[in-house]
């Protein structure tokens, strides 16, 4: 009576966590200076980059403030909205998964 040996191959596939864009949406009420401040303080942009992003938001309707893993994107989005509301501004942000 012979026993057959079965060979099993295990494949492990490493996958990086999904990335998410935090997008700033244009409105007619939030001052551009305030958006620039949010981009510098929360999204760690330098002043020139913050100005460029703010102009994109103003001219195109929205722009990416940064790309992060989901938890960081949610935290930055919440922080920006909280500071915006405390200052009396209706700034809107959204999170979209990067394809």
PDB file of N, CA and C in Angstrom:
ATOM      1  N   UNK A   1       0.835  -1.166   0.000  1.00  0.00           N
ATOM      2  CA  UNK A   1       0.000   0.000   0.000  1.00  0.00           C
ATOM      3  C   UNK A   1       0.893   1.247   0.000  1.00  0.00           C
ATOM      4  N   UNK A   2       0.833   2.016  -1.057  1.00  0.00           N
ATOM      5  CA  UNK A   2       1.689   3.194  -1.139  1.00  0.00           C
ATOM      6  C   UNK A   2       0.875   4.456  -0.908  1.00  0.00           C
ATOM      7  N   UNK A   3       1.537   5.402  -0.311  1.00  0.00           N
ATOM      8  CA  UNK A   3       0.883   6.684  -0.043  1.00  0.00           C
ATOM      9  C   UNK A   3       1.367   7.699  -1.071  1.00  0.00           C
ATOM     10  N   UNK A   4       0.424   8.438  -1.603  1.00  0.00           N
ATOM     11  CA  UNK A   4       0.796   9.488  -2.546  1.00  0.00           C
ATOM     12  C   UNK A   4       1.112  10.757  -1.762  1.00  0.00           C
ATOM     13  N   UNK A   5       2.115  11.420  -2.220  1.00  0.00           N
ATOM     14  CA  UNK A   5       2.444  12.696  -1.594  1.00  0.00           C
ATOM     15  C   UNK A   5       1.811  13.815  -2.413  1.00  0.00           C
ATOM     16  N   UNK A   6       1.150  14.674  -1.721  1.00  0.00           N
ATOM     17  CA  UNK A   6       0.524  15.808  -2.385  1.00  0.00           C
ATOM     18  C   UNK A   6       1.331  17.052  -2.065  1.00  0.00           C
ATOM     19  N   UNK A   7       1.696  17.742  -3.124  1.00  0.00           N
ATOM     20  CA  UNK A   7       2.433  18.989  -2.941  1.00  0.00           C
ATOM     21  C   UNK A   7       1.450  20.148  -3.064  1.00  0.00           C
ATOM     22  N   UNK A   8       1.528  21.015  -2.103  1.00  0.00           N
ATOM     23  CA  UNK A   8       0.659  22.182  -2.099  1.00  0.00           C
ATOM     24  C   UNK A   8       1.522  23.419  -2.263  1.00  0.00           C
ATOM     25  N   UNK A   9       1.097  24.251  -3.176  1.00  0.00           N
ATOM     26  CA  UNK A   9       1.798  25.510  -3.370  1.00  0.00           C
ATOM     27  C   UNK A   9       0.949  26.635  -2.779  1.00  0.00           C
ATOM     28  N   UNK A  10       1.589  27.466  -2.021  1.00  0.00           N
ATOM     29  CA  UNK A  10       0.898  28.609  -1.440  1.00  0.00           C
ATOM     30  C   UNK A  10       1.470  29.863  -2.070  1.00  0.00           C
ATOM     31  N   UNK A  11       0.573  30.696  -2.595  1.00  0.00           N
ATOM     32  CA  UNK A  11       1.015  31.962  -3.189  1.00  0.00           C
ATOM     33  C   UNK A  11       0.539  33.096  -2.299  1.00  0.00           C
ATOM     34  N   UNK A  12       1.446  33.938  -1.944  1.00  0.00           N
ATOM     35  CA  UNK A  12       1.103  35.104  -1.146  1.00  0.00           C
ATOM     36  C   UNK A  12       1.273  36.329  -2.027  1.00  0.00           C
ATOM     37  N   UNK A  13       0.222  37.098  -2.109  1.00  0.00           N
ATOM     38  CA  UNK A  13       0.279  38.308  -2.916  1.00  0.00           C
ATOM     39  C   UNK A  13       0.189  39.515  -2.000  1.00  0.00           C
ATOM     40  N   UNK A  14       1.208  40.339  -2.072  1.00  0.00           N
ATOM     41  CA  UNK A  14       1.207  41.555  -1.258  1.00  0.00           C
ATOM     42  C   UNK A  14       0.490  42.657  -2.017  1.00  0.00           C
ATOM     43  N   UNK A  15      -0.347  43.363  -1.317  1.00  0.00           N
ATOM     44  CA  UNK A  15      -1.083  44.450  -1.939  1.00  0.00           C
ATOM     45  C   UNK A  15      -0.995  45.674  -1.040  1.00  0.00           C
ATOM     46  N   UNK A  16      -0.624  46.775  -1.650  1.00  0.00           N
ATOM     47  CA  UNK A  16      -0.557  48.016  -0.888  1.00  0.00           C
ATOM     48  C   UNK A  16      -1.977  48.479  -0.574  1.00  0.00           C
ATOM     49  N   UNK A  17      -2.156  49.162   0.555  1.00  0.00           N
ATOM     50  CA  UNK A  17      -3.496  49.662   0.881  1.00  0.00           C
ATOM     51  C   UNK A  17      -3.964  50.658  -0.181  1.00  0.00           C
ATOM     52  N   UNK A  18      -5.258  50.725  -0.362  1.00  0.00           N
ATOM     53  CA  UNK A  18      -5.825  51.670  -1.328  1.00  0.00           C
ATOM     54  C   UNK A  18      -5.499  53.099  -0.898  1.00  0.00           C
ATOM     55  N   UNK A  19      -5.413  53.963  -1.883  1.00  0.00           N
ATOM     56  CA  UNK A  19      -5.132  55.373  -1.629  1.00  0.00           C
ATOM     57  C   UNK A  19      -6.382  56.188  -1.970  1.00  0.00           C
ATOM     58  N   UNK A  20      -6.530  57.314  -1.275  1.00  0.00           N
ATOM     59  CA  UNK A  20      -7.720  58.139  -1.439  1.00  0.00           C
ATOM     60  C   UNK A  20      -7.331  59.603  -1.601  1.00  0.00           C
ATOM     61  N   UNK A  21      -7.967  60.269  -2.557  1.00  0.00           N
ATOM     62  CA  UNK A  21      -7.783  61.705  -2.746  1.00  0.00           C
ATOM     63  C   UNK A  21      -8.776  62.459  -1.879  1.00  0.00           C
ATOM     64  N   UNK A  22      -8.281  63.505  -1.216  1.00  0.00           N
ATOM     65  CA  UNK A  22      -9.167  64.442  -0.530  1.00  0.00           C
ATOM     66  C   UNK A  22      -9.347  65.605  -1.496  1.00  0.00           C
ATOM     67  N   UNK A  23     -10.594  65.860  -1.858  1.00  0.00           N
ATOM     68  CA  UNK A  23     -10.898  66.861  -2.875  1.00  0.00           C
ATOM     69  C   UNK A  23     -11.621  68.045  -2.238  1.00  0.00           C
ATOM     70  N   UNK A  24     -11.120  69.243  -2.523  1.00  0.00           N
ATOM     71  CA  UNK A  24     -11.743  70.482  -2.057  1.00  0.00           C
ATOM     72  C   UNK A  24     -12.718  70.931  -3.147  1.00  0.00           C
ATOM     73  N   UNK A  25     -13.946  71.270  -2.737  1.00  0.00           N
ATOM     74  CA  UNK A  25     -14.986  71.665  -3.676  1.00  0.00           C
ATOM     75  C   UNK A  25     -15.233  73.167  -3.563  1.00  0.00           C
ATOM     76  N   UNK A  26     -15.344  73.806  -4.707  1.00  0.00           N
ATOM     77  CA  UNK A  26     -15.548  75.257  -4.742  1.00  0.00           C
ATOM     78  C   UNK A  26     -16.933  75.641  -4.230  1.00  0.00           C
ATOM     79  N   UNK A  27     -16.995  76.763  -3.529  1.00  0.00           N
ATOM     80  CA  UNK A  27     -18.268  77.381  -3.180  1.00  0.00           C
ATOM     81  C   UNK A  27     -18.086  78.892  -3.289  1.00  0.00           C
ATOM     82  N   UNK A  28     -19.180  79.605  -3.259  1.00  0.00           N
ATOM     83  CA  UNK A  28     -19.114  81.057  -3.449  1.00  0.00           C
ATOM     84  C   UNK A  28     -18.940  81.836  -2.154  1.00  0.00           C
ATOM     85  N   UNK A  29     -18.764  81.128  -1.036  1.00  0.00           N
ATOM     86  CA  UNK A  29     -18.769  81.807   0.254  1.00  0.00           C
ATOM     87  C   UNK A  29     -17.458  81.706   1.035  1.00  0.00           C
ATOM     88  N   UNK A  30     -16.728  80.604   0.883  1.00  0.00           N
ATOM     89  CA  UNK A  30     -15.477  80.426   1.633  1.00  0.00           C
ATOM     90  C   UNK A  30     -14.381  81.271   0.984  1.00  0.00           C
ATOM     91  N   UNK A  31     -13.756  82.168   1.738  1.00  0.00           N
ATOM     92  CA  UNK A  31     -12.692  83.011   1.171  1.00  0.00           C
ATOM     93  C   UNK A  31     -11.475  82.186   0.726  1.00  0.00           C
ATOM     94  N   UNK A  32     -10.858  82.637  -0.343  1.00  0.00           N
ATOM     95  CA  UNK A  32      -9.683  81.931  -0.868  1.00  0.00           C
ATOM     96  C   UNK A  32      -8.552  81.896   0.164  1.00  0.00           C
ATOM     97  N   UNK A  33      -8.403  82.982   0.913  1.00  0.00           N
ATOM     98  CA  UNK A  33      -7.354  83.015   1.946  1.00  0.00           C
ATOM     99  C   UNK A  33      -7.568  81.915   2.986  1.00  0.00           C
ATOM    100  N   UNK A  34      -8.835  81.641   3.306  1.00  0.00           N
ATOM    101  CA  UNK A  34      -9.147  80.592   4.275  1.00  0.00           C
ATOM    102  C   UNK A  34      -8.787  79.215   3.714  1.00  0.00           C
ATOM    103  N   UNK A  35      -9.108  78.984   2.440  1.00  0.00           N
ATOM    104  CA  UNK A  35      -8.770  77.706   1.792  1.00  0.00           C
ATOM    105  C   UNK A  35      -7.259  77.515   1.775  1.00  0.00           C
ATOM    106  N   UNK A  36      -6.534  78.564   1.462  1.00  0.00           N
ATOM    107  CA  UNK A  36      -5.066  78.501   1.471  1.00  0.00           C
ATOM    108  C   UNK A  36      -4.569  78.122   2.861  1.00  0.00           C
ATOM    109  N   UNK A  37      -5.137  78.749   3.888  1.00  0.00           N
ATOM    110  CA  UNK A  37      -4.738  78.446   5.266  1.00  0.00           C
ATOM    111  C   UNK A  37      -4.992  76.974   5.615  1.00  0.00           C
ATOM    112  N   UNK A  38      -6.147  76.457   5.224  1.00  0.00           N
ATOM    113  CA  UNK A  38      -6.476  75.046   5.470  1.00  0.00           C
ATOM    114  C   UNK A  38      -5.464  74.135   4.772  1.00  0.00           C
ATOM    115  N   UNK A  39      -5.137  74.454   3.540  1.00  0.00           N
ATOM    116  CA  UNK A  39      -4.184  73.633   2.780  1.00  0.00           C
ATOM    117  C   UNK A  39      -2.792  73.638   3.415  1.00  0.00           C
ATOM    118  N   UNK A  40      -2.395  74.770   3.962  1.00  0.00           N
ATOM    119  CA  UNK A  40      -1.087  74.871   4.614  1.00  0.00           C
ATOM    120  C   UNK A  40      -1.104  74.150   5.966  1.00  0.00           C
ATOM    121  N   UNK A  41      -2.119  74.437   6.781  1.00  0.00           N
ATOM    122  CA  UNK A  41      -2.143  73.930   8.157  1.00  0.00           C
ATOM    123  C   UNK A  41      -2.529  72.454   8.264  1.00  0.00           C
ATOM    124  N   UNK A  42      -3.473  72.009   7.473  1.00  0.00           N
ATOM    125  CA  UNK A  42      -3.960  70.634   7.603  1.00  0.00           C
ATOM    126  C   UNK A  42      -3.316  69.689   6.601  1.00  0.00           C
ATOM    127  N   UNK A  43      -3.139  70.171   5.375  1.00  0.00           N
ATOM    128  CA  UNK A  43      -2.617  69.302   4.323  1.00  0.00           C
ATOM    129  C   UNK A  43      -1.123  69.482   4.084  1.00  0.00           C
ATOM    130  N   UNK A  44      -0.486  70.299   4.923  1.00  0.00           N
ATOM    131  CA  UNK A  44       0.971  70.489   4.908  1.00  0.00           C
ATOM    132  C   UNK A  44       1.533  70.921   3.556  1.00  0.00           C
ATOM    133  N   UNK A  45       0.788  71.783   2.868  1.00  0.00           N
ATOM    134  CA  UNK A  45       1.262  72.324   1.589  1.00  0.00           C
ATOM    135  C   UNK A  45       2.060  73.591   1.862  1.00  0.00           C
ATOM    136  N   UNK A  46       3.050  73.860   1.004  1.00  0.00           N
ATOM    137  CA  UNK A  46       3.736  75.146   1.138  1.00  0.00           C
ATOM    138  C   UNK A  46       2.823  76.227   0.549  1.00  0.00           C
ATOM    139  N   UNK A  47       3.127  77.468   0.803  1.00  0.00           N
ATOM    140  CA  UNK A  47       2.243  78.570   0.429  1.00  0.00           C
ATOM    141  C   UNK A  47       1.969  78.613  -1.071  1.00  0.00           C
ATOM    142  N   UNK A  48       3.006  78.443  -1.888  1.00  0.00           N
ATOM    143  CA  UNK A  48       2.825  78.490  -3.348  1.00  0.00           C
ATOM    144  C   UNK A  48       1.934  77.358  -3.848  1.00  0.00           C
ATOM    145  N   UNK A  49       2.159  76.156  -3.343  1.00  0.00           N
ATOM    146  CA  UNK A  49       1.334  75.013  -3.741  1.00  0.00           C
ATOM    147  C   UNK A  49      -0.105  75.221  -3.288  1.00  0.00           C
ATOM    148  N   UNK A  50      -0.286  75.732  -2.084  1.00  0.00           N
ATOM    149  CA  UNK A  50      -1.632  75.995  -1.563  1.00  0.00           C
ATOM    150  C   UNK A  50      -2.358  77.020  -2.439  1.00  0.00           C
ATOM    151  N   UNK A  51      -1.643  78.047  -2.871  1.00  0.00           N
ATOM    152  CA  UNK A  51      -2.252  79.047  -3.761  1.00  0.00           C
ATOM    153  C   UNK A  51      -2.642  78.420  -5.093  1.00  0.00           C
ATOM    154  N   UNK A  52      -1.773  77.578  -5.641  1.00  0.00           N
ATOM    155  CA  UNK A  52      -2.061  76.911  -6.918  1.00  0.00           C
ATOM    156  C   UNK A  52      -3.292  76.008  -6.819  1.00  0.00           C
ATOM    157  N   UNK A  53      -3.380  75.236  -5.735  1.00  0.00           N
ATOM    158  CA  UNK A  53      -4.534  74.354  -5.533  1.00  0.00           C
ATOM    159  C   UNK A  53      -5.807  75.174  -5.376  1.00  0.00           C
ATOM    160  N   UNK A  54      -5.722  76.273  -4.629  1.00  0.00           N
ATOM    161  CA  UNK A  54      -6.886  77.134  -4.412  1.00  0.00           C
ATOM    162  C   UNK A  54      -7.373  77.732  -5.728  1.00  0.00           C
ATOM    163  N   UNK A  55      -6.461  78.131  -6.591  1.00  0.00           N
ATOM    164  CA  UNK A  55      -6.859  78.656  -7.903  1.00  0.00           C
ATOM    165  C   UNK A  55      -7.511  77.573  -8.754  1.00  0.00           C
ATOM    166  N   UNK A  56      -7.009  76.349  -8.669  1.00  0.00           N
ATOM    167  CA  UNK A  56      -7.642  75.233  -9.382  1.00  0.00           C
ATOM    168  C   UNK A  56      -9.073  75.019  -8.879  1.00  0.00           C
ATOM    169  N   UNK A  57      -9.239  75.043  -7.566  1.00  0.00           N
ATOM    170  CA  UNK A  57     -10.575  74.894  -6.980  1.00  0.00           C
ATOM    171  C   UNK A  57     -11.490  75.992  -7.512  1.00  0.00           C
ATOM    172  N   UNK A  58     -10.992  77.215  -7.508  1.00  0.00           N
ATOM    173  CA  UNK A  58     -11.789  78.365  -7.947  1.00  0.00           C
ATOM    174  C   UNK A  58     -12.147  78.274  -9.431  1.00  0.00           C
ATOM    175  N   UNK A  59     -11.171  77.903 -10.251  1.00  0.00           N
ATOM    176  CA  UNK A  59     -11.373  77.900 -11.704  1.00  0.00           C
ATOM    177  C   UNK A  59     -12.017  76.629 -12.251  1.00  0.00           C
ATOM    178  N   UNK A  60     -11.715  75.496 -11.651  1.00  0.00           N
ATOM    179  CA  UNK A  60     -12.204  74.208 -12.177  1.00  0.00           C
ATOM    180  C   UNK A  60     -13.365  73.626 -11.367  1.00  0.00           C
ATOM    181  N   UNK A  61     -13.620  74.165 -10.182  1.00  0.00           N
ATOM    182  CA  UNK A  61     -14.715  73.664  -9.358  1.00  0.00           C
ATOM    183  C   UNK A  61     -14.281  72.731  -8.249  1.00  0.00           C
ATOM    184  N   UNK A  62     -13.097  72.117  -8.408  1.00  0.00           N
ATOM    185  CA  UNK A  62     -12.552  71.246  -7.360  1.00  0.00           C
ATOM    186  C   UNK A  62     -11.094  70.950  -7.676  1.00  0.00           C
ATOM    187  N   UNK A  63     -10.383  70.473  -6.656  1.00  0.00           N
ATOM    188  CA  UNK A  63      -8.979  70.077  -6.841  1.00  0.00           C
ATOM    189  C   UNK A  63      -8.575  69.155  -5.705  1.00  0.00           C
ATOM    190  N   UNK A  64      -7.564  68.346  -5.965  1.00  0.00           N
ATOM    191  CA  UNK A  64      -7.062  67.396  -4.973  1.00  0.00           C
ATOM    192  C   UNK A  64      -6.158  68.129  -3.983  1.00  0.00           C
ATOM    193  N   UNK A  65      -6.501  68.012  -2.698  1.00  0.00           N
ATOM    194  CA  UNK A  65      -5.686  68.617  -1.640  1.00  0.00           C
ATOM    195  C   UNK A  65      -4.557  67.681  -1.232  1.00  0.00           C
ATOM    196  N   UNK A  66      -4.768  66.366  -1.387  1.00  0.00           N
ATOM    197  CA  UNK A  66      -3.742  65.395  -1.022  1.00  0.00           C
ATOM    198  C   UNK A  66      -4.257  63.977  -1.224  1.00  0.00           C
ATOM    199  N   UNK A  67      -3.332  63.029  -1.219  1.00  0.00           N
ATOM    200  CA  UNK A  67      -3.656  61.615  -1.394  1.00  0.00           C
ATOM    201  C   UNK A  67      -3.097  60.843  -0.207  1.00  0.00           C
ATOM    202  N   UNK A  68      -3.961  60.054   0.451  1.00  0.00           N
ATOM    203  CA  UNK A  68      -3.601  59.396   1.705  1.00  0.00           C
ATOM    204  C   UNK A  68      -4.264  58.025   1.782  1.00  0.00           C
ATOM    205  N   UNK A  69      -3.899  57.256   2.816  1.00  0.00           N
ATOM    206  CA  UNK A  69      -4.683  56.047   3.083  1.00  0.00           C
ATOM    207  C   UNK A  69      -6.023  56.510   3.664  1.00  0.00           C
ATOM    208  N   UNK A  70      -6.997  55.615   3.738  1.00  0.00           N
ATOM    209  CA  UNK A  70      -8.360  56.007   4.085  1.00  0.00           C
ATOM    210  C   UNK A  70      -8.467  56.708   5.440  1.00  0.00           C
ATOM    211  N   UNK A  71      -7.807  56.176   6.446  1.00  0.00           N
ATOM    212  CA  UNK A  71      -7.932  56.749   7.783  1.00  0.00           C
ATOM    213  C   UNK A  71      -7.403  58.177   7.844  1.00  0.00           C
ATOM    214  N   UNK A  72      -6.269  58.407   7.216  1.00  0.00           N
ATOM    215  CA  UNK A  72      -5.676  59.756   7.208  1.00  0.00           C
ATOM    216  C   UNK A  72      -6.543  60.705   6.384  1.00  0.00           C
ATOM    217  N   UNK A  73      -7.049  60.237   5.252  1.00  0.00           N
ATOM    218  CA  UNK A  73      -7.918  61.069   4.409  1.00  0.00           C
ATOM    219  C   UNK A  73      -9.163  61.493   5.184  1.00  0.00           C
ATOM    220  N   UNK A  74      -9.774  60.547   5.893  1.00  0.00           N
ATOM    221  CA  UNK A  74     -10.968  60.871   6.683  1.00  0.00           C
ATOM    222  C   UNK A  74     -10.647  61.858   7.795  1.00  0.00           C
ATOM    223  N   UNK A  75      -9.509  61.658   8.455  1.00  0.00           N
ATOM    224  CA  UNK A  75      -9.116  62.537   9.558  1.00  0.00           C
ATOM    225  C   UNK A  75      -8.874  63.965   9.055  1.00  0.00           C
ATOM    226  N   UNK A  76      -8.162  64.111   7.949  1.00  0.00           N
ATOM    227  CA  UNK A  76      -7.867  65.436   7.412  1.00  0.00           C
ATOM    228  C   UNK A  76      -9.144  66.125   6.922  1.00  0.00           C
ATOM    229  N   UNK A  77     -10.024  65.361   6.308  1.00  0.00           N
ATOM    230  CA  UNK A  77     -11.300  65.886   5.828  1.00  0.00           C
ATOM    231  C   UNK A  77     -12.140  66.386   7.007  1.00  0.00           C
ATOM    232  N   UNK A  78     -12.253  65.593   8.041  1.00  0.00           N
ATOM    233  CA  UNK A  78     -13.019  65.965   9.235  1.00  0.00           C
ATOM    234  C   UNK A  78     -12.428  67.203   9.901  1.00  0.00           C
ATOM    235  N   UNK A  79     -11.123  67.221  10.019  1.00  0.00           N
ATOM    236  CA  UNK A  79     -10.439  68.360  10.647  1.00  0.00           C
ATOM    237  C   UNK A  79     -10.696  69.652   9.860  1.00  0.00           C
ATOM    238  N   UNK A  80     -10.593  69.576   8.531  1.00  0.00           N
ATOM    239  CA  UNK A  80     -10.802  70.759   7.694  1.00  0.00           C
ATOM    240  C   UNK A  80     -12.240  71.262   7.788  1.00  0.00           C
ATOM    241  N   UNK A  81     -13.203  70.348   7.774  1.00  0.00           N
ATOM    242  CA  UNK A  81     -14.607  70.746   7.874  1.00  0.00           C
ATOM    243  C   UNK A  81     -14.903  71.336   9.252  1.00  0.00           C
ATOM    244  N   UNK A  82     -14.350  70.750  10.298  1.00  0.00           N
ATOM    245  CA  UNK A  82     -14.570  71.250  11.659  1.00  0.00           C
ATOM    246  C   UNK A  82     -14.037  72.678  11.809  1.00  0.00           C
ATOM    247  N   UNK A  83     -12.823  72.913  11.332  1.00  0.00           N
ATOM    248  CA  UNK A  83     -12.234  74.258  11.417  1.00  0.00           C
ATOM    249  C   UNK A  83     -13.033  75.239  10.558  1.00  0.00           C
ATOM    250  N   UNK A  84     -13.473  74.778   9.397  1.00  0.00           N
ATOM    251  CA  UNK A  84     -14.258  75.624   8.504  1.00  0.00           C
ATOM    252  C   UNK A  84     -15.577  76.043   9.148  1.00  0.00           C
ATOM    253  N   UNK A  85     -16.278  75.092   9.748  1.00  0.00           N
ATOM    254  CA  UNK A  85     -17.559  75.402  10.389  1.00  0.00           C
ATOM    255  C   UNK A  85     -17.358  76.339  11.579  1.00  0.00           C
ATOM    256  N   UNK A  86     -16.292  76.108  12.337  1.00  0.00           N
ATOM    257  CA  UNK A  86     -16.007  76.969  13.492  1.00  0.00           C
ATOM    258  C   UNK A  86     -15.751  78.409  13.042  1.00  0.00           C
ATOM    259  N   UNK A  87     -15.215  78.562  11.827  1.00  0.00           N
ATOM    260  CA  UNK A  87     -14.944  79.898  11.298  1.00  0.00           C
ATOM    261  C   UNK A  87     -16.149  80.456  10.532  1.00  0.00           C
ATOM    262  N   UNK A  88     -17.226  79.666  10.437  1.00  0.00           N
ATOM    263  CA  UNK A  88     -18.433  80.129   9.762  1.00  0.00           C
ATOM    264  C   UNK A  88     -18.427  79.969   8.260  1.00  0.00           C
ATOM    265  N   UNK A  89     -17.614  79.058   7.741  1.00  0.00           N
ATOM    266  CA  UNK A  89     -17.522  78.842   6.295  1.00  0.00           C
ATOM    267  C   UNK A  89     -18.117  77.484   5.914  1.00  0.00           C
ATOM    268  N   UNK A  90     -18.754  77.414   4.729  1.00  0.00           N
ATOM    269  CA  UNK A  90     -19.387  76.162   4.290  1.00  0.00           C
ATOM    270  C   UNK A  90     -18.478  75.268   3.436  1.00  0.00           C
ATOM    271  N   UNK A  91     -17.185  75.354   3.612  1.00  0.00           N
ATOM    272  CA  UNK A  91     -16.245  74.578   2.787  1.00  0.00           C
ATOM    273  C   UNK A  91     -16.635  73.101   2.770  1.00  0.00           C
ATOM    274  N   UNK A  92     -16.629  72.516   1.570  1.00  0.00           N
ATOM    275  CA  UNK A  92     -16.952  71.105   1.395  1.00  0.00           C
ATOM    276  C   UNK A  92     -15.736  70.364   0.867  1.00  0.00           C
ATOM    277  N   UNK A  93     -15.543  69.160   1.382  1.00  0.00           N
ATOM    278  CA  UNK A  93     -14.487  68.283   0.891  1.00  0.00           C
ATOM    279  C   UNK A  93     -15.095  66.903   0.689  1.00  0.00           C
ATOM    280  N   UNK A  94     -14.494  66.132  -0.201  1.00  0.00           N
ATOM    281  CA  UNK A  94     -14.935  64.747  -0.372  1.00  0.00           C
ATOM    282  C   UNK A  94     -13.722  63.852  -0.548  1.00  0.00           C
ATOM    283  N   UNK A  95     -13.951  62.569  -0.352  1.00  0.00           N
ATOM    284  CA  UNK A  95     -12.885  61.572  -0.465  1.00  0.00           C
ATOM    285  C   UNK A  95     -13.246  60.636  -1.607  1.00  0.00           C
ATOM    286  N   UNK A  96     -12.282  60.410  -2.501  1.00  0.00           N
ATOM    287  CA  UNK A  96     -12.480  59.498  -3.620  1.00  0.00           C
ATOM    288  C   UNK A  96     -11.310  58.533  -3.686  1.00  0.00           C
ATOM    289  N   UNK A  97     -11.607  57.263  -3.912  1.00  0.00           N
ATOM    290  CA  UNK A  97     -10.553  56.255  -4.022  1.00  0.00           C
ATOM    291  C   UNK A  97      -9.804  56.455  -5.338  1.00  0.00           C
ATOM    292  N   UNK A  98      -8.485  56.353  -5.264  1.00  0.00           N
ATOM    293  CA  UNK A  98      -7.641  56.455  -6.447  1.00  0.00           C
ATOM    294  C   UNK A  98      -7.707  55.130  -7.176  1.00  0.00           C
ATOM    295  N   UNK A  99      -7.945  55.174  -8.473  1.00  0.00           N
ATOM    296  CA  UNK A  99      -8.057  53.937  -9.276  1.00  0.00           C
ATOM    297  C   UNK A  99      -6.706  53.317  -9.496  1.00  0.00           C
TER     298      UNK A  99
END
